[in-house]
């Protein structure tokens, strides 16, 4: 367990995971990031995508995270996300329906504000990530 560090995934409403991990990979704003024990401290923006946690007991777990922050401080990694869900709870049919709704909204939005377009694009990315992860 000497090579393990604490990994927590939290949302504003719940603690999704708090466990010892040996390796964690997640989608940062600028691409995929991997973290092992002894990593230098950092604070970065999360992107939309999968976070895989290799647990100290030899198993692994995957989560969908949607934006937020990742912070490594000492031997603790915290992913603070607007939304996080265990990929085993994702429904492909529900994700596809969510994606179609987001696409329809994008067509309706057309020439509205940049903030509204950004919100719609984010919902499309989240739905697409749910579809990709629900397939696994």
N, C-alpha and C. Protein backbone atom coordinates (compact mmCIF):
# COMPACT_ATOMS: atom_id res chain seq x y z
N UNK A 1 0.82 -1.19 0.00
CA UNK A 1 0.00 0.00 0.00
C UNK A 1 0.86 1.26 0.00
N UNK A 2 2.20 1.08 0.00
CA UNK A 2 3.09 2.23 0.01
C UNK A 2 2.94 3.07 -1.25
N UNK A 3 2.52 2.46 -2.36
CA UNK A 3 2.37 3.18 -3.62
C UNK A 3 0.96 3.70 -3.83
N UNK A 4 0.14 3.66 -2.81
CA UNK A 4 -1.24 4.12 -2.94
C UNK A 4 -1.37 5.56 -2.47
N UNK A 5 -2.40 6.22 -2.96
CA UNK A 5 -2.74 7.56 -2.53
C UNK A 5 -4.26 7.63 -2.42
N UNK A 6 -4.77 8.63 -1.77
CA UNK A 6 -6.21 8.76 -1.57
C UNK A 6 -6.82 9.46 -2.78
N UNK A 7 -7.90 8.89 -3.31
CA UNK A 7 -8.63 9.49 -4.43
C UNK A 7 -10.07 9.71 -4.01
N UNK A 8 -10.53 10.92 -4.19
CA UNK A 8 -11.92 11.26 -3.88
C UNK A 8 -12.56 11.88 -5.11
N UNK A 9 -13.78 11.45 -5.40
CA UNK A 9 -14.58 12.07 -6.45
C UNK A 9 -15.82 12.60 -5.77
N UNK A 10 -16.03 13.91 -5.85
CA UNK A 10 -17.16 14.53 -5.17
C UNK A 10 -17.89 15.48 -6.11
N UNK A 11 -19.18 15.60 -5.87
CA UNK A 11 -20.02 16.57 -6.56
C UNK A 11 -20.54 17.53 -5.49
N UNK A 12 -21.20 18.59 -5.88
CA UNK A 12 -21.77 19.49 -4.86
C UNK A 12 -22.77 18.79 -3.93
N UNK A 13 -23.36 17.69 -4.38
CA UNK A 13 -24.39 17.05 -3.56
C UNK A 13 -24.00 15.73 -2.92
N UNK A 14 -22.86 15.12 -3.35
CA UNK A 14 -22.51 13.82 -2.76
C UNK A 14 -21.04 13.47 -2.94
N UNK A 15 -20.56 12.59 -2.07
CA UNK A 15 -19.24 12.00 -2.22
C UNK A 15 -19.45 10.71 -3.01
N UNK A 16 -18.91 10.64 -4.21
CA UNK A 16 -19.11 9.51 -5.10
C UNK A 16 -18.09 8.41 -4.80
N UNK A 17 -16.86 8.79 -4.48
CA UNK A 17 -15.81 7.82 -4.20
C UNK A 17 -14.81 8.42 -3.22
N UNK A 18 -14.34 7.60 -2.31
CA UNK A 18 -13.23 7.94 -1.43
C UNK A 18 -12.51 6.63 -1.16
N UNK A 19 -11.36 6.42 -1.82
CA UNK A 19 -10.68 5.13 -1.74
C UNK A 19 -9.19 5.31 -2.00
N UNK A 20 -8.42 4.30 -1.61
CA UNK A 20 -7.00 4.28 -1.93
C UNK A 20 -6.83 3.79 -3.36
N UNK A 21 -5.98 4.48 -4.11
CA UNK A 21 -5.77 4.16 -5.52
C UNK A 21 -4.28 4.06 -5.81
N UNK A 22 -3.96 3.34 -6.87
CA UNK A 22 -2.57 3.26 -7.33
C UNK A 22 -2.35 4.07 -8.59
N UNK A 23 -3.43 4.31 -9.35
CA UNK A 23 -3.34 5.10 -10.58
C UNK A 23 -4.73 5.63 -10.91
N UNK A 24 -4.78 6.87 -11.38
CA UNK A 24 -6.05 7.48 -11.79
C UNK A 24 -5.80 8.21 -13.10
N UNK A 25 -6.69 8.02 -14.04
CA UNK A 25 -6.64 8.77 -15.28
C UNK A 25 -7.97 9.49 -15.46
N UNK A 26 -7.91 10.72 -15.94
CA UNK A 26 -9.13 11.52 -16.13
C UNK A 26 -8.93 12.50 -17.27
N UNK A 27 -10.04 13.02 -17.74
CA UNK A 27 -10.04 14.00 -18.83
C UNK A 27 -9.90 15.39 -18.23
N UNK A 28 -8.78 16.04 -18.51
CA UNK A 28 -8.57 17.43 -18.11
C UNK A 28 -9.01 18.33 -19.27
N UNK A 29 -9.02 19.61 -19.06
CA UNK A 29 -9.46 20.55 -20.09
C UNK A 29 -8.57 20.48 -21.33
N UNK A 30 -7.31 20.08 -21.11
CA UNK A 30 -6.36 20.06 -22.21
C UNK A 30 -5.94 18.66 -22.63
N UNK A 31 -6.69 17.66 -22.21
CA UNK A 31 -6.38 16.30 -22.61
C UNK A 31 -6.33 15.35 -21.43
N UNK A 32 -5.99 14.12 -21.71
CA UNK A 32 -5.97 13.06 -20.70
C UNK A 32 -4.83 13.29 -19.72
N UNK A 33 -5.09 13.05 -18.45
CA UNK A 33 -4.06 13.19 -17.41
C UNK A 33 -4.02 11.92 -16.59
N UNK A 34 -2.84 11.44 -16.26
CA UNK A 34 -2.66 10.27 -15.41
C UNK A 34 -1.93 10.65 -14.14
N UNK A 35 -2.32 10.04 -13.03
CA UNK A 35 -1.74 10.38 -11.73
C UNK A 35 -1.34 9.11 -11.00
N UNK A 36 -0.12 9.11 -10.48
CA UNK A 36 0.37 8.01 -9.64
C UNK A 36 0.82 8.59 -8.30
N UNK A 37 1.07 7.71 -7.37
CA UNK A 37 1.58 8.12 -6.07
C UNK A 37 2.86 8.93 -6.25
N UNK A 38 3.00 9.98 -5.47
CA UNK A 38 4.18 10.83 -5.55
C UNK A 38 4.08 11.94 -6.58
N UNK A 39 2.91 12.08 -7.21
CA UNK A 39 2.73 13.14 -8.21
C UNK A 39 2.91 14.52 -7.58
N UNK A 40 3.45 15.42 -8.35
CA UNK A 40 3.61 16.80 -7.89
C UNK A 40 2.25 17.44 -7.70
N UNK A 41 2.15 18.40 -6.80
CA UNK A 41 0.87 19.09 -6.60
C UNK A 41 0.43 19.80 -7.88
N UNK A 42 -0.87 19.80 -8.12
CA UNK A 42 -1.42 20.53 -9.26
C UNK A 42 -2.88 20.86 -8.99
N UNK A 43 -3.37 21.79 -9.76
CA UNK A 43 -4.79 22.15 -9.79
C UNK A 43 -5.10 22.40 -11.26
N UNK A 44 -6.09 21.67 -11.79
CA UNK A 44 -6.42 21.81 -13.21
C UNK A 44 -7.92 21.70 -13.40
N UNK A 45 -8.39 22.22 -14.52
CA UNK A 45 -9.80 22.10 -14.87
C UNK A 45 -10.09 20.72 -15.43
N UNK A 46 -11.21 20.15 -15.03
CA UNK A 46 -11.66 18.88 -15.59
C UNK A 46 -12.39 19.13 -16.90
N UNK A 47 -12.33 18.17 -17.77
CA UNK A 47 -13.13 18.18 -18.98
C UNK A 47 -14.32 17.24 -18.79
N UNK A 48 -14.97 16.90 -19.86
CA UNK A 48 -16.07 15.95 -19.84
C UNK A 48 -15.54 14.61 -20.33
N UNK A 49 -15.68 13.56 -19.53
CA UNK A 49 -15.20 12.26 -19.97
C UNK A 49 -15.04 11.29 -18.83
N UNK A 50 -14.30 10.23 -19.11
CA UNK A 50 -14.14 9.13 -18.15
C UNK A 50 -13.00 9.41 -17.18
N UNK A 51 -13.20 8.94 -15.97
CA UNK A 51 -12.15 8.89 -14.95
C UNK A 51 -12.04 7.44 -14.53
N UNK A 52 -10.87 6.85 -14.74
CA UNK A 52 -10.67 5.45 -14.33
C UNK A 52 -9.77 5.44 -13.10
N UNK A 53 -10.20 4.72 -12.09
CA UNK A 53 -9.46 4.64 -10.84
C UNK A 53 -9.02 3.19 -10.64
N UNK A 54 -7.71 2.97 -10.63
CA UNK A 54 -7.16 1.66 -10.30
C UNK A 54 -7.00 1.63 -8.78
N UNK A 55 -7.82 0.82 -8.15
CA UNK A 55 -7.87 0.78 -6.69
C UNK A 55 -6.73 -0.04 -6.10
N UNK A 56 -6.38 0.24 -4.85
CA UNK A 56 -5.28 -0.43 -4.19
C UNK A 56 -5.53 -1.92 -4.03
N UNK A 57 -6.79 -2.35 -4.05
CA UNK A 57 -7.10 -3.78 -3.91
C UNK A 57 -6.96 -4.55 -5.23
N UNK A 58 -6.51 -3.87 -6.29
CA UNK A 58 -6.29 -4.53 -7.57
C UNK A 58 -7.45 -4.43 -8.55
N UNK A 59 -8.58 -3.91 -8.12
CA UNK A 59 -9.71 -3.72 -9.02
C UNK A 59 -9.67 -2.30 -9.59
N UNK A 60 -10.56 -2.02 -10.51
CA UNK A 60 -10.66 -0.66 -11.03
C UNK A 60 -12.13 -0.28 -11.15
N UNK A 61 -12.36 1.01 -11.16
CA UNK A 61 -13.71 1.55 -11.30
C UNK A 61 -13.65 2.73 -12.26
N UNK A 62 -14.72 2.91 -13.02
CA UNK A 62 -14.77 4.02 -13.99
C UNK A 62 -15.97 4.90 -13.69
N UNK A 63 -15.77 6.19 -13.88
CA UNK A 63 -16.81 7.18 -13.60
C UNK A 63 -16.87 8.17 -14.76
N UNK A 64 -18.04 8.71 -14.98
CA UNK A 64 -18.20 9.81 -15.92
C UNK A 64 -18.16 11.08 -15.10
N UNK A 65 -17.30 12.01 -15.48
CA UNK A 65 -17.23 13.30 -14.80
C UNK A 65 -17.49 14.41 -15.80
N UNK A 66 -18.12 15.47 -15.31
CA UNK A 66 -18.50 16.59 -16.17
C UNK A 66 -18.01 17.88 -15.57
N UNK A 67 -16.88 18.33 -16.06
CA UNK A 67 -16.32 19.61 -15.67
C UNK A 67 -16.02 19.68 -14.17
N UNK A 68 -15.36 20.72 -13.78
CA UNK A 68 -14.99 20.92 -12.39
C UNK A 68 -13.48 21.10 -12.28
N UNK A 69 -12.92 20.59 -11.17
CA UNK A 69 -11.50 20.77 -10.89
C UNK A 69 -10.89 19.46 -10.40
N UNK A 70 -9.62 19.28 -10.69
CA UNK A 70 -8.83 18.18 -10.13
C UNK A 70 -7.68 18.81 -9.37
N UNK A 71 -7.47 18.32 -8.14
CA UNK A 71 -6.39 18.85 -7.32
C UNK A 71 -5.61 17.71 -6.69
N UNK A 72 -4.29 17.76 -6.86
CA UNK A 72 -3.39 16.83 -6.19
C UNK A 72 -2.66 17.64 -5.15
N UNK A 73 -2.80 17.23 -3.90
CA UNK A 73 -2.13 17.93 -2.81
C UNK A 73 -1.63 16.87 -1.82
N UNK A 74 -0.33 16.79 -1.66
CA UNK A 74 0.24 15.75 -0.81
C UNK A 74 -0.05 14.39 -1.44
N UNK A 75 -0.68 13.52 -0.67
CA UNK A 75 -1.02 12.19 -1.19
C UNK A 75 -2.53 12.06 -1.39
N UNK A 76 -3.18 13.18 -1.71
CA UNK A 76 -4.63 13.19 -1.94
C UNK A 76 -4.96 13.80 -3.29
N UNK A 77 -5.72 13.05 -4.09
CA UNK A 77 -6.25 13.54 -5.36
C UNK A 77 -7.75 13.72 -5.19
N UNK A 78 -8.24 14.91 -5.50
CA UNK A 78 -9.67 15.18 -5.42
C UNK A 78 -10.16 15.64 -6.78
N UNK A 79 -11.20 14.96 -7.28
CA UNK A 79 -11.89 15.39 -8.49
C UNK A 79 -13.21 15.97 -8.02
N UNK A 80 -13.35 17.28 -8.13
CA UNK A 80 -14.57 17.98 -7.75
C UNK A 80 -15.30 18.29 -9.04
N UNK A 81 -16.41 17.60 -9.27
CA UNK A 81 -17.09 17.67 -10.55
C UNK A 81 -18.52 18.15 -10.39
N UNK A 82 -19.02 18.84 -11.42
CA UNK A 82 -20.42 19.25 -11.43
C UNK A 82 -21.34 18.04 -11.43
N UNK A 83 -20.89 16.96 -12.10
CA UNK A 83 -21.67 15.72 -12.20
C UNK A 83 -20.69 14.56 -12.24
N UNK A 84 -20.99 13.49 -11.53
CA UNK A 84 -20.18 12.29 -11.58
C UNK A 84 -21.09 11.08 -11.37
N UNK A 85 -20.85 10.03 -12.16
CA UNK A 85 -21.66 8.81 -12.04
C UNK A 85 -20.80 7.60 -12.36
N UNK A 86 -21.04 6.52 -11.65
CA UNK A 86 -20.40 5.24 -11.94
C UNK A 86 -20.88 4.82 -13.33
N UNK A 87 -19.97 4.43 -14.20
CA UNK A 87 -20.37 4.08 -15.57
C UNK A 87 -21.32 2.88 -15.60
N UNK A 88 -21.30 2.06 -14.58
CA UNK A 88 -22.20 0.90 -14.53
C UNK A 88 -23.66 1.30 -14.35
N UNK A 89 -23.90 2.55 -13.97
CA UNK A 89 -25.28 3.02 -13.79
C UNK A 89 -25.82 3.72 -15.03
N UNK A 90 -25.00 3.85 -16.06
CA UNK A 90 -25.42 4.57 -17.26
C UNK A 90 -26.24 3.67 -18.19
N UNK A 91 -27.30 4.23 -18.73
CA UNK A 91 -28.14 3.52 -19.68
C UNK A 91 -27.88 4.06 -21.07
N UNK A 92 -27.53 3.17 -21.99
CA UNK A 92 -27.26 3.61 -23.37
C UNK A 92 -28.50 4.23 -23.99
N UNK A 93 -29.68 3.62 -23.79
CA UNK A 93 -30.91 4.15 -24.38
C UNK A 93 -31.21 5.55 -23.85
N UNK A 94 -31.06 5.74 -22.55
CA UNK A 94 -31.31 7.07 -21.96
C UNK A 94 -30.29 8.08 -22.48
N UNK A 95 -29.03 7.65 -22.62
CA UNK A 95 -27.99 8.56 -23.12
C UNK A 95 -28.25 8.95 -24.56
N UNK A 96 -28.69 8.00 -25.38
CA UNK A 96 -29.00 8.32 -26.78
C UNK A 96 -30.17 9.29 -26.87
N UNK A 97 -31.17 9.11 -26.04
CA UNK A 97 -32.31 10.03 -26.02
C UNK A 97 -31.85 11.42 -25.58
N UNK A 98 -31.00 11.47 -24.57
CA UNK A 98 -30.47 12.75 -24.09
C UNK A 98 -29.67 13.45 -25.20
N UNK A 99 -28.91 12.67 -25.96
CA UNK A 99 -28.12 13.24 -27.05
C UNK A 99 -29.02 13.80 -28.14
N UNK A 100 -30.05 13.07 -28.50
CA UNK A 100 -30.99 13.54 -29.52
C UNK A 100 -31.69 14.83 -29.08
N UNK A 101 -32.04 14.91 -27.81
CA UNK A 101 -32.65 16.14 -27.29
C UNK A 101 -31.67 17.31 -27.37
N UNK A 102 -30.40 17.04 -27.04
CA UNK A 102 -29.39 18.08 -27.11
C UNK A 102 -29.18 18.54 -28.55
N UNK A 103 -29.19 17.59 -29.50
CA UNK A 103 -29.05 17.96 -30.92
C UNK A 103 -30.23 18.81 -31.38
N UNK A 104 -31.44 18.43 -30.97
CA UNK A 104 -32.63 19.19 -31.36
C UNK A 104 -32.56 20.60 -30.78
N UNK A 105 -32.09 20.71 -29.56
CA UNK A 105 -31.96 22.03 -28.92
C UNK A 105 -30.92 22.86 -29.66
N UNK A 106 -29.85 22.23 -30.11
CA UNK A 106 -28.80 22.96 -30.84
C UNK A 106 -29.35 23.57 -32.12
N UNK A 107 -30.22 22.86 -32.80
CA UNK A 107 -30.83 23.36 -34.02
C UNK A 107 -31.73 24.55 -33.70
N UNK A 108 -32.48 24.45 -32.60
CA UNK A 108 -33.38 25.52 -32.20
C UNK A 108 -32.61 26.77 -31.76
N UNK A 109 -31.45 26.56 -31.10
CA UNK A 109 -30.68 27.67 -30.54
C UNK A 109 -30.19 28.60 -31.66
N UNK A 110 -29.67 27.99 -32.73
CA UNK A 110 -29.26 28.75 -33.89
C UNK A 110 -28.43 29.98 -33.59
N UNK A 111 -29.06 31.14 -33.61
CA UNK A 111 -28.34 32.41 -33.50
C UNK A 111 -28.57 33.09 -32.16
N UNK A 112 -28.65 32.33 -31.08
CA UNK A 112 -28.83 32.95 -29.77
C UNK A 112 -27.48 33.27 -29.15
N UNK A 113 -27.47 33.57 -27.90
CA UNK A 113 -26.25 34.03 -27.22
C UNK A 113 -25.17 32.95 -27.18
N UNK A 114 -23.95 33.41 -27.03
CA UNK A 114 -22.81 32.50 -26.94
C UNK A 114 -22.93 31.62 -25.71
N UNK A 115 -23.45 32.15 -24.63
CA UNK A 115 -23.63 31.36 -23.40
C UNK A 115 -24.60 30.22 -23.62
N UNK A 116 -25.67 30.48 -24.35
CA UNK A 116 -26.66 29.43 -24.61
C UNK A 116 -26.07 28.36 -25.51
N UNK A 117 -25.31 28.76 -26.53
CA UNK A 117 -24.66 27.79 -27.41
C UNK A 117 -23.67 26.93 -26.63
N UNK A 118 -22.92 27.55 -25.73
CA UNK A 118 -21.95 26.82 -24.90
C UNK A 118 -22.66 25.81 -24.00
N UNK A 119 -23.78 26.18 -23.43
CA UNK A 119 -24.55 25.27 -22.58
C UNK A 119 -25.04 24.07 -23.38
N UNK A 120 -25.52 24.32 -24.59
CA UNK A 120 -26.02 23.24 -25.44
C UNK A 120 -24.87 22.33 -25.88
N UNK A 121 -23.73 22.92 -26.25
CA UNK A 121 -22.58 22.11 -26.65
C UNK A 121 -22.10 21.24 -25.50
N UNK A 122 -22.12 21.78 -24.30
CA UNK A 122 -21.72 21.00 -23.12
C UNK A 122 -22.67 19.84 -22.90
N UNK A 123 -23.96 20.06 -23.06
CA UNK A 123 -24.93 18.97 -22.88
C UNK A 123 -24.74 17.90 -23.96
N UNK A 124 -24.38 18.31 -25.18
CA UNK A 124 -24.09 17.35 -26.24
C UNK A 124 -22.85 16.51 -25.88
N UNK A 125 -21.78 17.16 -25.40
CA UNK A 125 -20.57 16.44 -25.02
C UNK A 125 -20.85 15.44 -23.91
N UNK A 126 -21.63 15.86 -22.92
CA UNK A 126 -21.94 14.97 -21.81
C UNK A 126 -22.76 13.77 -22.29
N UNK A 127 -23.73 14.01 -23.12
CA UNK A 127 -24.55 12.91 -23.64
C UNK A 127 -23.72 11.96 -24.51
N UNK A 128 -22.83 12.51 -25.33
CA UNK A 128 -21.96 11.67 -26.16
C UNK A 128 -21.02 10.83 -25.29
N UNK A 129 -20.51 11.41 -24.23
CA UNK A 129 -19.63 10.66 -23.31
C UNK A 129 -20.42 9.55 -22.63
N UNK A 130 -21.65 9.82 -22.25
CA UNK A 130 -22.49 8.79 -21.63
C UNK A 130 -22.72 7.62 -22.60
N UNK A 131 -22.97 7.94 -23.87
CA UNK A 131 -23.17 6.88 -24.87
C UNK A 131 -21.91 6.04 -24.99
N UNK A 132 -20.77 6.70 -25.12
CA UNK A 132 -19.50 5.98 -25.28
C UNK A 132 -19.20 5.08 -24.08
N UNK A 133 -19.47 5.58 -22.89
CA UNK A 133 -19.15 4.80 -21.69
C UNK A 133 -20.21 3.72 -21.41
N UNK A 134 -21.44 3.97 -21.81
CA UNK A 134 -22.51 2.97 -21.57
C UNK A 134 -22.32 1.75 -22.45
N UNK A 135 -21.59 1.88 -23.55
CA UNK A 135 -21.35 0.77 -24.47
C UNK A 135 -20.45 -0.28 -23.82
N UNK A 136 -19.53 0.17 -22.99
CA UNK A 136 -18.54 -0.72 -22.39
C UNK A 136 -19.14 -1.72 -21.46
